C-alpha atoms as a PDB file:
ATOM      1  CA  MET A   1     115.332 141.497  85.881  1.00  0.00           C
ATOM      2  CA  GLU A   2     116.953 140.550  82.626  1.00  0.00           C
ATOM      3  CA  ASN A   3     118.230 137.025  81.922  1.00  0.00           C
ATOM      4  CA  ALA A   4     121.866 138.094  82.264  1.00  0.00           C
ATOM      5  CA  GLU A   5     121.189 139.708  85.647  1.00  0.00           C
ATOM      6  CA  MET A   6     119.275 136.626  86.849  1.00  0.00           C
ATOM      7  CA  ASN A   7     122.110 134.390  85.678  1.00  0.00           C
ATOM      8  CA  GLU A   8     124.612 136.650  87.436  1.00  0.00           C
ATOM      9  CA  ALA A   9     122.603 136.538  90.647  1.00  0.00           C
ATOM     10  CA  GLN A  10     122.318 132.732  90.543  1.00  0.00           C
ATOM     11  CA  THR A  11     125.920 131.895  89.698  1.00  0.00           C
ATOM     12  CA  GLY A  12     127.587 134.826  91.410  1.00  0.00           C
ATOM     13  CA  THR A  13     129.597 135.753  88.297  1.00  0.00           C
ATOM     14  CA  LYS A  14     129.395 138.789  86.112  1.00  0.00           C
ATOM     15  CA  THR A  15     128.458 138.349  82.490  1.00  0.00           C
ATOM     16  CA  GLY A  16     131.400 140.460  81.421  1.00  0.00           C
ATOM     17  CA  GLY A  17     133.924 138.016  82.984  1.00  0.00           C
ATOM     18  CA  SER A  18     136.403 135.973  81.030  1.00  0.00           C
ATOM     19  CA  GLN A  19     135.624 132.559  79.612  1.00  0.00           C
ATOM     20  CA  GLN A  20     137.812 130.921  82.282  1.00  0.00           C
ATOM     21  CA  GLU A  21     135.844 132.580  85.084  1.00  0.00           C
ATOM     22  CA  LYS A  22     132.578 131.393  83.558  1.00  0.00           C
ATOM     23  CA  GLU A  23     133.879 127.848  83.213  1.00  0.00           C
ATOM     24  CA  GLN A  24     135.146 127.870  86.796  1.00  0.00           C
ATOM     25  CA  ALA A  25     131.793 129.157  88.049  1.00  0.00           C
ATOM     26  CA  TYR A  26     130.025 126.455  86.047  1.00  0.00           C
ATOM     27  CA  ARG A  27     132.273 123.711  87.458  1.00  0.00           C
ATOM     28  CA  GLU A  28     131.611 124.959  90.990  1.00  0.00           C
ATOM     29  CA  HIS A  29     127.871 125.001  90.328  1.00  0.00           C
ATOM     30  CA  VAL A  30     127.979 121.445  88.983  1.00  0.00           C
ATOM     31  CA  GLU A  31     130.038 120.305  91.976  1.00  0.00           C
ATOM     32  CA  ARG A  32     127.510 121.822  94.401  1.00  0.00           C
ATOM     33  CA  THR A  33     124.412 120.414  92.715  1.00  0.00           C
ATOM     34  CA  THR A  34     125.597 116.944  91.667  1.00  0.00           C
ATOM     35  CA  PRO A  35     124.546 114.302  94.209  1.00  0.00           C
ATOM     36  CA  LYS A  36     127.376 112.307  95.778  1.00  0.00           C
ATOM     37  CA  TYR A  37     127.047 108.529  95.726  1.00  0.00           C
ATOM     38  CA  SER A  38     129.109 105.748  97.167  1.00  0.00           C
ATOM     39  CA  MET A  39     129.377 102.886  94.673  1.00  0.00           C
ATOM     40  CA  PRO A  40     129.779 100.120  97.319  1.00  0.00           C
ATOM     41  CA  VAL A  41     126.695 101.387  99.172  1.00  0.00           C
ATOM     42  CA  ARG A  42     124.664 101.540  95.948  1.00  0.00           C
ATOM     43  CA  MET A  43     125.767  98.004  95.037  1.00  0.00           C
ATOM     44  CA  ALA A  44     124.848  96.712  98.499  1.00  0.00           C
ATOM     45  CA  LYS A  45     121.407  98.333  98.278  1.00  0.00           C
ATOM     46  CA  ALA A  46     120.838  96.825  94.821  1.00  0.00           C
ATOM     47  CA  PHE A  47     121.916  93.415  96.112  1.00  0.00           C
ATOM     48  CA  VAL A  48     119.554  93.614  99.089  1.00  0.00           C
ATOM     49  CA  THR A  49     116.621  94.871  96.998  1.00  0.00           C
ATOM     50  CA  GLY A  50     117.058  92.228  94.297  1.00  0.00           C
ATOM     51  CA  GLY A  51     117.559  89.594  96.988  1.00  0.00           C
ATOM     52  CA  ILE A  52     114.316  90.536  98.732  1.00  0.00           C
ATOM     53  CA  ILE A  53     112.415  90.301  95.432  1.00  0.00           C
ATOM     54  CA  CYS A  54     113.972  86.887  94.773  1.00  0.00           C
ATOM     55  CA  VAL A  55     113.162  85.680  98.307  1.00  0.00           C
ATOM     56  CA  ILE A  56     109.529  86.722  97.825  1.00  0.00           C
ATOM     57  CA  GLY A  57     109.470  84.824  94.528  1.00  0.00           C
ATOM     58  CA  GLN A  58     111.047  81.750  96.131  1.00  0.00           C
ATOM     59  CA  CYS A  59     108.498  81.856  98.965  1.00  0.00           C
ATOM     60  CA  ILE A  60     105.668  81.947  96.418  1.00  0.00           C
ATOM     61  CA  LEU A  61     107.280  79.071  94.506  1.00  0.00           C
ATOM     62  CA  ASN A  62     107.788  76.963  97.655  1.00  0.00           C
ATOM     63  CA  TYR A  63     104.254  77.605  98.877  1.00  0.00           C
ATOM     64  CA  ALA A  64     102.765  76.667  95.514  1.00  0.00           C
ATOM     65  CA  THR A  65     104.775  73.442  95.191  1.00  0.00           C
ATOM     66  CA  ASN A  66     104.723  72.251  98.814  1.00  0.00           C
ATOM     67  CA  ALA A  67     101.499  73.543 100.349  1.00  0.00           C
ATOM     68  CA  MET A  68      99.304  73.544  97.255  1.00  0.00           C
ATOM     69  CA  GLY A  69     100.843  70.537  95.473  1.00  0.00           C
ATOM     70  CA  ILE A  70     101.311  72.319  92.135  1.00  0.00           C
ATOM     71  CA  ASP A  71     104.021  71.052  89.764  1.00  0.00           C
ATOM     72  CA  LYS A  72     107.158  73.196  89.397  1.00  0.00           C
ATOM     73  CA  GLU A  73     106.368  74.532  85.927  1.00  0.00           C
ATOM     74  CA  THR A  74     102.876  75.712  86.875  1.00  0.00           C
ATOM     75  CA  ALA A  75     104.163  77.086  90.175  1.00  0.00           C
ATOM     76  CA  GLY A  76     106.787  79.071  88.257  1.00  0.00           C
ATOM     77  CA  ALA A  77     104.097  80.585  86.053  1.00  0.00           C
ATOM     78  CA  TRP A  78     102.039  81.523  89.114  1.00  0.00           C
ATOM     79  CA  CYS A  79     105.112  82.988  90.770  1.00  0.00           C
ATOM     80  CA  SER A  80     105.831  85.204  87.757  1.00  0.00           C
ATOM     81  CA  MET A  81     102.222  86.347  87.524  1.00  0.00           C
ATOM     82  CA  LEU A  82     102.028  87.173  91.229  1.00  0.00           C
ATOM     83  CA  LEU A  83     105.314  89.098  91.136  1.00  0.00           C
ATOM     84  CA  VAL A  84     104.058  91.125  88.166  1.00  0.00           C
ATOM     85  CA  LEU A  85     100.738  91.752  89.946  1.00  0.00           C
ATOM     86  CA  LEU A  86     102.546  92.913  93.105  1.00  0.00           C
ATOM     87  CA  SER A  87     104.841  95.152  91.072  1.00  0.00           C
ATOM     88  CA  VAL A  88     101.989  96.801  89.186  1.00  0.00           C
ATOM     89  CA  THR A  89      99.978  97.263  92.383  1.00  0.00           C
ATOM     90  CA  PHE A  90     102.946  98.790  94.203  1.00  0.00           C
ATOM     91  CA  THR A  91     103.604 101.031  91.188  1.00  0.00           C
ATOM     92  CA  GLY A  92     100.020 102.267  91.308  1.00  0.00           C
ATOM     93  CA  PHE A  93     100.382 103.198  94.973  1.00  0.00           C
ATOM     94  CA  GLY A  94     103.798 104.817  94.412  1.00  0.00           C
ATOM     95  CA  ILE A  95     105.611 102.278  96.588  1.00  0.00           C
ATOM     96  CA  TYR A  96     107.659 100.607  93.854  1.00  0.00           C
ATOM     97  CA  ASN A  97     109.225 103.881  92.714  1.00  0.00           C
ATOM     98  CA  LYS A  98     110.495 104.438  96.270  1.00  0.00           C
ATOM     99  CA  CYS A  99     112.006 100.935  96.166  1.00  0.00           C
ATOM    100  CA  VAL A 100     113.710 101.836  92.878  1.00  0.00           C
ATOM    101  CA  GLU A 101     115.075 105.069  94.349  1.00  0.00           C
ATOM    102  CA  TRP A 102     116.548 103.154  97.274  1.00  0.00           C
ATOM    103  CA  GLY A 103     117.568  99.889  95.594  1.00  0.00           C
ATOM    104  CA  GLY A 104     118.440 101.035  92.067  1.00  0.00           C
ATOM    105  CA  ALA A 105     119.112  98.223  89.617  1.00  0.00           C
ATOM    106  CA  GLY A 106     118.142  95.620  92.214  1.00  0.00           C
ATOM    107  CA  ALA A 107     114.523  96.648  91.704  1.00  0.00           C
ATOM    108  CA  LEU A 108     114.736  97.353  87.976  1.00  0.00           C
ATOM    109  CA  VAL A 109     116.353  94.196  86.634  1.00  0.00           C
ATOM    110  CA  PRO A 110     113.893  91.433  87.624  1.00  0.00           C
ATOM    111  CA  ILE A 111     110.525  90.839  85.965  1.00  0.00           C
ATOM    112  CA  THR A 112     109.050  93.251  88.502  1.00  0.00           C
ATOM    113  CA  GLY A 113     111.058  96.113  86.997  1.00  0.00           C
ATOM    114  CA  PHE A 114     109.644  95.381  83.551  1.00  0.00           C
ATOM    115  CA  ALA A 115     106.114  95.357  84.943  1.00  0.00           C
ATOM    116  CA  ASN A 116     106.851  98.633  86.724  1.00  0.00           C
ATOM    117  CA  SER A 117     107.989 100.305  83.503  1.00  0.00           C
ATOM    118  CA  VAL A 118     104.837  99.259  81.651  1.00  0.00           C
ATOM    119  CA  ALA A 119     102.526 100.316  84.504  1.00  0.00           C
ATOM    120  CA  SER A 120     104.356 103.636  84.957  1.00  0.00           C
ATOM    121  CA  ALA A 121     103.800 104.526  81.303  1.00  0.00           C
ATOM    122  CA  ALA A 122     100.100 103.694  81.610  1.00  0.00           C
ATOM    123  CA  ILE A 123      99.743 105.789  84.761  1.00  0.00           C
ATOM    124  CA  GLU A 124     101.679 108.710  83.299  1.00  0.00           C
ATOM    125  CA  TYR A 125      99.591 108.976  80.134  1.00  0.00           C
ATOM    126  CA  GLN A 126      96.145 108.142  81.545  1.00  0.00           C
ATOM    127  CA  LYS A 127      95.233 111.852  81.448  1.00  0.00           C
ATOM    128  CA  GLU A 128      95.265 111.702  77.654  1.00  0.00           C
ATOM    129  CA  GLY A 129      92.506 109.088  77.573  1.00  0.00           C
ATOM    130  CA  GLN A 130      92.118 105.356  77.138  1.00  0.00           C
ATOM    131  CA  VAL A 131      93.096 105.154  73.459  1.00  0.00           C
ATOM    132  CA  TYR A 132      95.525 108.023  72.828  1.00  0.00           C
ATOM    133  CA  GLY A 133      97.002 107.933  76.308  1.00  0.00           C
ATOM    134  CA  ILE A 134      97.171 104.459  77.775  1.00  0.00           C
ATOM    135  CA  GLY A 135      96.626 102.537  74.529  1.00  0.00           C
ATOM    136  CA  CYS A 136      99.369 104.339  72.614  1.00  0.00           C
ATOM    137  CA  LYS A 137     101.939 104.826  75.358  1.00  0.00           C
ATOM    138  CA  ILE A 138     101.703 101.645  77.445  1.00  0.00           C
ATOM    139  CA  PHE A 139     104.130  99.798  75.188  1.00  0.00           C
ATOM    140  CA  THR A 140     106.724 102.591  75.055  1.00  0.00           C
ATOM    141  CA  ILE A 141     109.121 100.436  77.063  1.00  0.00           C
ATOM    142  CA  ALA A 142     107.620  97.028  76.374  1.00  0.00           C
ATOM    143  CA  GLY A 143     107.407  97.477  72.598  1.00  0.00           C
ATOM    144  CA  PRO A 144     111.107  97.066  71.823  1.00  0.00           C
ATOM    145  CA  VAL A 145     111.356  94.132  74.231  1.00  0.00           C
ATOM    146  CA  ILE A 146     108.407  92.385  72.601  1.00  0.00           C
ATOM    147  CA  LEU A 147     109.682  93.185  69.092  1.00  0.00           C
ATOM    148  CA  TYR A 148     113.175  91.835  69.672  1.00  0.00           C
ATOM    149  CA  GLY A 149     111.841  88.856  71.621  1.00  0.00           C
ATOM    150  CA  ILE A 150     109.587  87.839  68.743  1.00  0.00           C
ATOM    151  CA  PHE A 151     112.286  88.506  66.139  1.00  0.00           C
ATOM    152  CA  THR A 152     114.883  86.497  68.076  1.00  0.00           C
ATOM    153  CA  SER A 153     112.492  83.563  68.544  1.00  0.00           C
ATOM    154  CA  TRP A 154     111.722  83.648  64.808  1.00  0.00           C
ATOM    155  CA  VAL A 155     115.443  83.581  63.914  1.00  0.00           C
ATOM    156  CA  LEU A 156     116.110  80.766  66.393  1.00  0.00           C
ATOM    157  CA  GLY A 157     113.109  78.887  64.986  1.00  0.00           C
ATOM    158  CA  LEU A 158     114.628  79.138  61.503  1.00  0.00           C
ATOM    159  CA  VAL A 159     117.987  77.900  62.811  1.00  0.00           C
ATOM    160  CA  TYR A 160     116.268  74.992  64.572  1.00  0.00           C
ATOM    161  CA  TRP A 161     114.235  74.141  61.461  1.00  0.00           C
ATOM    162  CA  GLY A 162     117.379  74.317  59.301  1.00  0.00           C
ATOM    163  CA  GLY A 163     119.206  72.065  61.745  1.00  0.00           C
ATOM    164  CA  LYS A 164     116.350  69.550  61.640  1.00  0.00           C
ATOM    165  CA  CYS A 165     116.296  69.591  57.812  1.00  0.00           C
ATOM    166  CA  LEU A 166     120.053  69.013  57.639  1.00  0.00           C
ATOM    167  CA  GLY A 167     119.879  66.232  60.231  1.00  0.00           C
ATOM    168  CA  MET A 168     122.011  68.134  62.731  1.00  0.00           C
ATOM    169  CA  LEU A 169     119.343  68.068  65.469  1.00  0.00           C
END
């Protein structure tokens, strides 16, 4: 079958039809294949997903400060590390991606979403080897974040230093 015949069979239009008929057929095809979403439902799912992640983090923080007697700053560092570890582990087992599909931005916005993006890149490119695969591609998402984080801290450091020199701080 030629491409035109295959296209005709898939869309149900003839290739000799007018431009309007082709556009109408295309619009109908898009309408049939585009998933339908309810914005309030998606927002509620994101809220619940992000809330669950925050509750887990708060439980870790409370356990570290109350049961283990760790100060708040150290407990916060442990909480962040454990959330990243859980995120990377769940990404490796394919669980986190299912959470993202269900919860959307609620799973992508916290620190766990950042860890997921870094781990996903490493998993995706592991076939290409340790150096050219994982080593080169692991910072595809993290690279810009690290770059702009370092640049912003450098600029703010200059502003702070200038303020100190001028006696403003």
